[in-house]
Amino acid sequence: MTFPLHLNVYAGIRGVDTQLIEAGQSLGLLRWGLVRQCHPAGALTGAMTGLRFSLGVAWLALVFAEQLNADSGIGFLMVQARDFCGPT
């Protein structure tokens, strides 16, 4: 489930705009400063896309696992918890 996240973060880091790196270098950032300031800003869109895909895959896996293994669904368990643990 972390595979799409890993791929998109990697692609986001590799796809950081070269002009952003050059601007950081012209402002005097060393390698560590570029890693800390330029790469996260450039890779954020890839990370968010990967997170969106990973959450979708995780949700599908949850529903699939529930269909295979559970005697009762999540909705039933929520209603049952509301009935037994409701306001007194």
N, C-alpha and C. Protein backbone atom coordinates (compact mmCIF):
# COMPACT_ATOMS: atom_id res chain seq x y z
N MET A 1 0.81 -1.19 0.00
CA MET A 1 0.00 0.00 0.00
C MET A 1 0.86 1.26 0.00
N THR A 2 2.11 1.11 0.36
CA THR A 2 2.99 2.27 0.31
C THR A 2 3.74 2.35 -1.02
N PHE A 3 3.51 1.37 -1.89
CA PHE A 3 4.20 1.34 -3.17
C PHE A 3 3.86 2.56 -4.03
N PRO A 4 2.59 2.94 -4.20
CA PRO A 4 2.32 4.15 -4.99
C PRO A 4 2.90 5.41 -4.35
N LEU A 5 2.89 5.47 -3.03
CA LEU A 5 3.47 6.63 -2.34
C LEU A 5 4.96 6.70 -2.61
N HIS A 6 5.64 5.58 -2.50
CA HIS A 6 7.08 5.55 -2.74
C HIS A 6 7.41 5.97 -4.17
N LEU A 7 6.69 5.42 -5.14
CA LEU A 7 6.96 5.75 -6.54
C LEU A 7 6.74 7.22 -6.83
N ASN A 8 5.65 7.78 -6.31
CA ASN A 8 5.36 9.18 -6.60
C ASN A 8 6.30 10.14 -5.88
N VAL A 9 6.71 9.80 -4.67
CA VAL A 9 7.69 10.64 -3.97
C VAL A 9 9.03 10.60 -4.71
N TYR A 10 9.42 9.42 -5.13
CA TYR A 10 10.67 9.29 -5.88
C TYR A 10 10.61 10.09 -7.18
N ALA A 11 9.50 9.96 -7.90
CA ALA A 11 9.34 10.70 -9.15
C ALA A 11 9.29 12.21 -8.89
N GLY A 12 8.68 12.61 -7.77
CA GLY A 12 8.64 14.03 -7.43
C GLY A 12 10.01 14.59 -7.12
N ILE A 13 10.82 13.82 -6.41
CA ILE A 13 12.17 14.27 -6.08
C ILE A 13 13.03 14.34 -7.34
N ARG A 14 12.90 13.33 -8.20
CA ARG A 14 13.69 13.33 -9.43
C ARG A 14 13.23 14.41 -10.40
N GLY A 15 11.97 14.85 -10.28
CA GLY A 15 11.43 15.82 -11.20
C GLY A 15 11.42 17.24 -10.69
N VAL A 16 12.23 17.53 -9.68
CA VAL A 16 12.31 18.90 -9.17
C VAL A 16 12.87 19.79 -10.28
N ASP A 17 12.26 20.93 -10.45
CA ASP A 17 12.63 21.85 -11.53
C ASP A 17 14.09 22.29 -11.37
N THR A 18 14.84 22.23 -12.44
CA THR A 18 16.25 22.60 -12.39
C THR A 18 16.42 24.10 -12.13
N GLN A 19 15.46 24.90 -12.55
CA GLN A 19 15.54 26.34 -12.28
C GLN A 19 15.42 26.61 -10.78
N LEU A 20 14.63 25.80 -10.09
CA LEU A 20 14.53 25.94 -8.63
C LEU A 20 15.86 25.63 -7.96
N ILE A 21 16.54 24.59 -8.44
CA ILE A 21 17.86 24.23 -7.90
C ILE A 21 18.87 25.33 -8.20
N GLU A 22 18.85 25.83 -9.41
CA GLU A 22 19.78 26.90 -9.79
C GLU A 22 19.53 28.17 -8.99
N ALA A 23 18.26 28.47 -8.73
CA ALA A 23 17.95 29.65 -7.91
C ALA A 23 18.48 29.48 -6.50
N GLY A 24 18.35 28.28 -5.94
CA GLY A 24 18.90 28.03 -4.61
C GLY A 24 20.40 28.13 -4.57
N GLN A 25 21.06 27.64 -5.60
CA GLN A 25 22.51 27.72 -5.66
C GLN A 25 22.98 29.16 -5.82
N SER A 26 22.23 29.93 -6.60
CA SER A 26 22.63 31.33 -6.78
C SER A 26 22.42 32.14 -5.51
N LEU A 27 21.53 31.67 -4.64
CA LEU A 27 21.33 32.34 -3.35
C LEU A 27 22.31 31.86 -2.29
N GLY A 28 23.19 30.95 -2.64
CA GLY A 28 24.24 30.52 -1.73
C GLY A 28 23.92 29.27 -0.93
N LEU A 29 22.91 28.52 -1.31
CA LEU A 29 22.60 27.29 -0.58
C LEU A 29 23.59 26.20 -0.95
N LEU A 30 24.07 25.51 0.05
CA LEU A 30 24.93 24.36 -0.20
C LEU A 30 24.05 23.14 -0.45
N ARG A 31 24.68 21.99 -0.59
CA ARG A 31 23.93 20.76 -0.92
C ARG A 31 22.87 20.46 0.14
N TRP A 32 23.22 20.55 1.41
CA TRP A 32 22.27 20.25 2.48
C TRP A 32 21.12 21.26 2.49
N GLY A 33 21.41 22.50 2.21
CA GLY A 33 20.36 23.51 2.14
C GLY A 33 19.41 23.26 0.98
N LEU A 34 19.94 22.81 -0.13
CA LEU A 34 19.08 22.46 -1.27
C LEU A 34 18.18 21.28 -0.93
N VAL A 35 18.74 20.29 -0.25
CA VAL A 35 17.94 19.12 0.14
C VAL A 35 16.85 19.52 1.12
N ARG A 36 17.16 20.42 2.02
CA ARG A 36 16.19 20.81 3.04
C ARG A 36 15.14 21.80 2.55
N GLN A 37 15.48 22.64 1.58
CA GLN A 37 14.56 23.71 1.20
C GLN A 37 14.00 23.56 -0.21
N CYS A 38 14.78 23.18 -1.17
CA CYS A 38 14.30 23.14 -2.55
C CYS A 38 13.61 21.82 -2.90
N HIS A 39 14.18 20.72 -2.49
CA HIS A 39 13.61 19.43 -2.86
C HIS A 39 12.22 19.19 -2.24
N PRO A 40 11.99 19.46 -0.96
CA PRO A 40 10.63 19.25 -0.45
C PRO A 40 9.59 20.13 -1.14
N ALA A 41 9.94 21.35 -1.47
CA ALA A 41 8.98 22.22 -2.14
C ALA A 41 8.66 21.70 -3.53
N GLY A 42 9.64 21.19 -4.23
CA GLY A 42 9.40 20.68 -5.57
C GLY A 42 8.74 19.32 -5.61
N ALA A 43 8.97 18.50 -4.57
CA ALA A 43 8.45 17.13 -4.55
C ALA A 43 7.10 17.02 -3.83
N LEU A 44 6.58 18.11 -3.32
CA LEU A 44 5.34 18.04 -2.54
C LEU A 44 4.16 17.58 -3.38
N THR A 45 4.07 18.01 -4.62
CA THR A 45 2.94 17.59 -5.46
C THR A 45 2.98 16.09 -5.72
N GLY A 46 4.17 15.55 -5.95
CA GLY A 46 4.29 14.10 -6.13
C GLY A 46 3.93 13.34 -4.87
N ALA A 47 4.33 13.86 -3.72
CA ALA A 47 4.01 13.19 -2.46
C ALA A 47 2.51 13.19 -2.19
N MET A 48 1.85 14.29 -2.49
CA MET A 48 0.40 14.36 -2.27
C MET A 48 -0.35 13.44 -3.23
N THR A 49 0.11 13.35 -4.47
CA THR A 49 -0.50 12.43 -5.42
C THR A 49 -0.32 10.99 -4.97
N GLY A 50 0.87 10.66 -4.52
CA GLY A 50 1.13 9.32 -4.01
C GLY A 50 0.30 9.00 -2.79
N LEU A 51 0.11 9.98 -1.92
CA LEU A 51 -0.72 9.77 -0.74
C LEU A 51 -2.16 9.51 -1.13
N ARG A 52 -2.65 10.25 -2.12
CA ARG A 52 -4.02 10.05 -2.59
C ARG A 52 -4.20 8.64 -3.15
N PHE A 53 -3.26 8.19 -3.97
CA PHE A 53 -3.35 6.84 -4.53
C PHE A 53 -3.24 5.78 -3.45
N SER A 54 -2.33 5.99 -2.50
CA SER A 54 -2.14 5.01 -1.43
C SER A 54 -3.38 4.89 -0.55
N LEU A 55 -4.03 6.01 -0.27
CA LEU A 55 -5.24 5.95 0.53
C LEU A 55 -6.35 5.22 -0.21
N GLY A 56 -6.44 5.42 -1.52
CA GLY A 56 -7.42 4.69 -2.30
C GLY A 56 -7.17 3.19 -2.30
N VAL A 57 -5.91 2.80 -2.45
CA VAL A 57 -5.56 1.38 -2.42
C VAL A 57 -5.83 0.80 -1.03
N ALA A 58 -5.51 1.54 0.02
CA ALA A 58 -5.75 1.06 1.38
C ALA A 58 -7.24 0.89 1.64
N TRP A 59 -8.05 1.82 1.15
CA TRP A 59 -9.50 1.71 1.34
C TRP A 59 -10.04 0.48 0.62
N LEU A 60 -9.60 0.24 -0.61
CA LEU A 60 -10.04 -0.95 -1.33
C LEU A 60 -9.59 -2.23 -0.64
N ALA A 61 -8.40 -2.24 -0.10
CA ALA A 61 -7.91 -3.42 0.62
C ALA A 61 -8.74 -3.66 1.88
N LEU A 62 -9.11 -2.59 2.57
CA LEU A 62 -9.95 -2.73 3.76
C LEU A 62 -11.30 -3.32 3.42
N VAL A 63 -11.93 -2.82 2.38
CA VAL A 63 -13.24 -3.35 1.98
C VAL A 63 -13.11 -4.80 1.53
N PHE A 64 -12.07 -5.12 0.77
CA PHE A 64 -11.86 -6.49 0.31
C PHE A 64 -11.63 -7.43 1.49
N ALA A 65 -10.79 -7.03 2.44
CA ALA A 65 -10.51 -7.87 3.61
C ALA A 65 -11.77 -8.03 4.47
N GLU A 66 -12.57 -6.99 4.55
CA GLU A 66 -13.80 -7.09 5.32
C GLU A 66 -14.76 -8.08 4.68
N GLN A 67 -14.84 -8.07 3.37
CA GLN A 67 -15.73 -8.99 2.67
C GLN A 67 -15.30 -10.44 2.86
N LEU A 68 -14.01 -10.67 2.96
CA LEU A 68 -13.52 -12.04 3.09
C LEU A 68 -13.57 -12.57 4.51
N ASN A 69 -13.23 -11.76 5.48
CA ASN A 69 -12.96 -12.27 6.82
C ASN A 69 -13.98 -11.92 7.89
N ALA A 70 -14.78 -10.92 7.71
CA ALA A 70 -15.61 -10.44 8.80
C ALA A 70 -16.97 -11.13 8.81
N ASP A 71 -17.47 -11.35 10.03
CA ASP A 71 -18.83 -11.86 10.19
C ASP A 71 -19.84 -10.74 10.04
N SER A 72 -19.45 -9.56 10.46
CA SER A 72 -20.32 -8.39 10.33
C SER A 72 -19.47 -7.23 9.82
N GLY A 73 -20.12 -6.31 9.12
CA GLY A 73 -19.40 -5.22 8.49
C GLY A 73 -19.11 -4.07 9.45
N ILE A 74 -18.36 -3.10 8.94
CA ILE A 74 -18.00 -1.93 9.73
C ILE A 74 -19.24 -1.12 10.10
N GLY A 75 -20.17 -1.00 9.16
CA GLY A 75 -21.41 -0.27 9.44
C GLY A 75 -22.19 -0.90 10.58
N PHE A 76 -22.30 -2.22 10.58
CA PHE A 76 -22.99 -2.91 11.66
C PHE A 76 -22.29 -2.69 12.99
N LEU A 77 -20.98 -2.75 12.98
CA LEU A 77 -20.23 -2.54 14.23
C LEU A 77 -20.39 -1.12 14.74
N MET A 78 -20.47 -0.14 13.83
CA MET A 78 -20.67 1.25 14.25
C MET A 78 -22.06 1.44 14.87
N VAL A 79 -23.08 0.86 14.26
CA VAL A 79 -24.43 0.97 14.81
C VAL A 79 -24.52 0.26 16.15
N GLN A 80 -23.90 -0.89 16.27
CA GLN A 80 -23.90 -1.63 17.52
C GLN A 80 -23.18 -0.86 18.62
N ALA A 81 -22.07 -0.23 18.30
CA ALA A 81 -21.34 0.57 19.29
C ALA A 81 -22.17 1.78 19.71
N ARG A 82 -22.88 2.40 18.76
CA ARG A 82 -23.73 3.54 19.10
C ARG A 82 -24.85 3.11 20.04
N ASP A 83 -25.44 1.94 19.78
CA ASP A 83 -26.54 1.46 20.62
C ASP A 83 -26.07 1.11 22.03
N PHE A 84 -24.92 0.47 22.15
CA PHE A 84 -24.45 0.03 23.46
C PHE A 84 -23.71 1.10 24.24
N CYS A 85 -23.06 2.01 23.55
CA CYS A 85 -22.23 3.02 24.21
C CYS A 85 -22.78 4.42 24.01
N GLY A 86 -24.05 4.54 23.76
CA GLY A 86 -24.65 5.84 23.51
C GLY A 86 -24.73 6.67 24.78
N PRO A 87 -25.34 7.85 24.69
CA PRO A 87 -25.46 8.71 25.87
C PRO A 87 -26.32 8.06 26.93
N THR A 88 -25.94 8.26 28.17
CA THR A 88 -26.69 7.64 29.27
C THR A 88 -27.66 8.59 29.89
